[in-house]
Amino acid sequence: LSILRHQGYLPFDKTGDWFYHIVEIMSFASVGLALYGLFGPLISTYDEKHDRFGNLHIPSEFGIAYLVVPCVILAVIFHPALNREFFSDTCWTLSMYLEAVAMLPQIYMF
């Protein structure tokens, strides 16, 4: 919920700020709903034998570390300073990097 508190990543024209805030709140709710579905009613549809992303040297349930750790390191090193706050700017950059690699586990399954 970065743009609710900070204005650094919003356009300079303030007329559409309400729209960005609504979209951010809706995406936060969508992620919550997706996580509820994954760990609630849809947990029986998970097929562990096909989920082998990142099982080189670590258990397959921690395979996501192959994506998250490099993204965190890159975000800490390379991030903008639009909000002039290290944590907020790094989290925003981390989210951009994670979006770029989010589909790799799905592609790996095929």
Protein backbone atom coordinates (compact mmCIF):
# COMPACT_ATOMS: atom_id res chain seq x y z
CA LEU A 1 0.00 0.00 0.00
CA SER A 2 2.75 2.34 -0.98
CA ILE A 3 0.84 5.06 -2.84
CA LEU A 4 -1.65 5.57 -0.03
CA ARG A 5 1.15 6.94 2.12
CA HIS A 6 3.63 8.25 -0.44
CA GLN A 7 3.10 10.29 -3.57
CA GLY A 8 6.49 9.70 -5.26
CA TYR A 9 5.27 7.12 -7.78
CA LEU A 10 2.10 8.94 -8.81
CA PRO A 11 1.88 11.29 -11.80
CA PHE A 12 2.34 14.99 -11.04
CA ASP A 13 -1.23 15.71 -12.13
CA LYS A 14 -3.32 15.12 -8.99
CA THR A 15 -6.69 14.80 -10.74
CA GLY A 16 -6.51 11.00 -11.01
CA ASP A 17 -4.97 10.15 -7.63
CA TRP A 18 -8.25 8.73 -6.36
CA PHE A 19 -8.19 6.19 -9.20
CA TYR A 20 -4.69 4.97 -8.31
CA HIS A 21 -5.72 4.61 -4.67
CA ILE A 22 -8.81 2.60 -5.59
CA VAL A 23 -6.81 0.33 -7.91
CA GLU A 24 -4.21 -0.28 -5.20
CA ILE A 25 -6.85 -1.15 -2.62
CA MET A 26 -8.62 -3.46 -5.10
CA SER A 27 -5.37 -5.23 -6.00
CA PHE A 28 -4.58 -5.69 -2.30
CA ALA A 29 -8.03 -7.23 -1.79
CA SER A 30 -7.58 -9.45 -4.87
CA VAL A 31 -4.28 -10.79 -3.54
CA GLY A 32 -5.93 -11.51 -0.20
CA LEU A 33 -8.76 -13.34 -1.93
CA ALA A 34 -6.32 -15.35 -4.07
CA LEU A 35 -4.29 -16.36 -1.00
CA TYR A 36 -7.47 -17.37 0.80
CA GLY A 37 -8.45 -19.52 -2.17
CA LEU A 38 -5.03 -21.12 -2.44
CA PHE A 39 -4.74 -22.02 1.23
CA GLY A 40 -8.44 -22.58 1.82
CA PRO A 41 -10.93 -24.27 -0.49
CA LEU A 42 -8.52 -24.88 -3.40
CA ILE A 43 -5.70 -26.53 -1.44
CA SER A 44 -6.86 -29.98 -2.59
CA THR A 45 -6.11 -29.06 -6.23
CA TYR A 46 -2.35 -28.67 -5.56
CA ASP A 47 -0.32 -31.38 -7.32
CA GLU A 48 3.05 -31.64 -5.57
CA LYS A 49 4.57 -34.15 -8.00
CA HIS A 50 4.54 -31.54 -10.78
CA ASP A 51 5.85 -28.69 -8.62
CA ARG A 52 9.61 -29.02 -8.95
CA PHE A 53 10.68 -25.42 -9.46
CA GLY A 54 13.97 -24.72 -7.76
CA ASN A 55 14.61 -28.17 -6.30
CA LEU A 56 18.33 -27.90 -7.02
CA HIS A 57 20.15 -28.07 -3.64
CA ILE A 58 17.09 -27.03 -1.59
CA PRO A 59 13.68 -28.65 -0.96
CA SER A 60 11.14 -27.86 -3.66
CA GLU A 61 8.84 -26.00 -1.24
CA PHE A 62 11.59 -23.38 -0.87
CA GLY A 63 12.28 -23.13 -4.60
CA ILE A 64 10.82 -19.64 -4.70
CA ALA A 65 14.01 -18.50 -2.96
CA TYR A 66 15.73 -18.76 -6.36
CA LEU A 67 13.55 -15.85 -7.48
CA VAL A 68 13.04 -13.83 -4.32
CA VAL A 69 16.63 -13.66 -3.04
CA PRO A 70 18.15 -12.22 -6.24
CA CYS A 71 15.24 -9.77 -6.53
CA VAL A 72 15.74 -8.58 -2.94
CA ILE A 73 19.48 -8.13 -3.48
CA LEU A 74 18.91 -6.20 -6.71
CA ALA A 75 16.19 -4.06 -5.10
CA VAL A 76 18.46 -3.14 -2.19
CA ILE A 77 21.29 -2.19 -4.55
CA PHE A 78 19.31 -0.62 -7.42
CA HIS A 79 16.27 1.41 -6.41
CA PRO A 80 15.03 4.91 -7.16
CA ALA A 81 14.62 7.53 -4.46
CA LEU A 82 11.31 9.08 -5.47
CA ASN A 83 9.93 8.89 -1.94
CA ARG A 84 13.30 9.51 -0.33
CA GLU A 85 12.65 6.63 2.06
CA PHE A 86 14.86 3.54 1.74
CA PHE A 87 12.28 0.96 2.82
CA SER A 88 9.43 2.28 0.69
CA ASP A 89 11.57 2.73 -2.42
CA THR A 90 13.15 -0.69 -2.02
CA CYS A 91 9.78 -2.41 -1.55
CA TRP A 92 8.40 -0.70 -4.64
CA THR A 93 11.44 -1.78 -6.67
CA LEU A 94 11.21 -5.32 -5.26
CA SER A 95 7.59 -5.54 -6.39
CA MET A 96 8.61 -4.50 -9.92
CA TYR A 97 11.37 -7.12 -10.02
CA LEU A 98 9.08 -9.84 -8.65
CA GLU A 99 6.44 -9.02 -11.24
CA ALA A 100 9.07 -9.51 -13.92
CA VAL A 101 9.89 -13.06 -12.78
CA ALA A 102 6.55 -14.18 -11.33
CA MET A 103 5.63 -16.46 -14.24
CA LEU A 104 8.91 -18.39 -14.30
CA PRO A 105 7.63 -21.23 -12.06
CA GLN A 106 4.60 -21.69 -14.32
CA ILE A 107 6.77 -21.72 -17.43
CA TYR A 108 9.13 -24.20 -15.74
CA MET A 109 6.25 -26.66 -15.19
CA PHE A 110 5.75 -26.99 -18.92
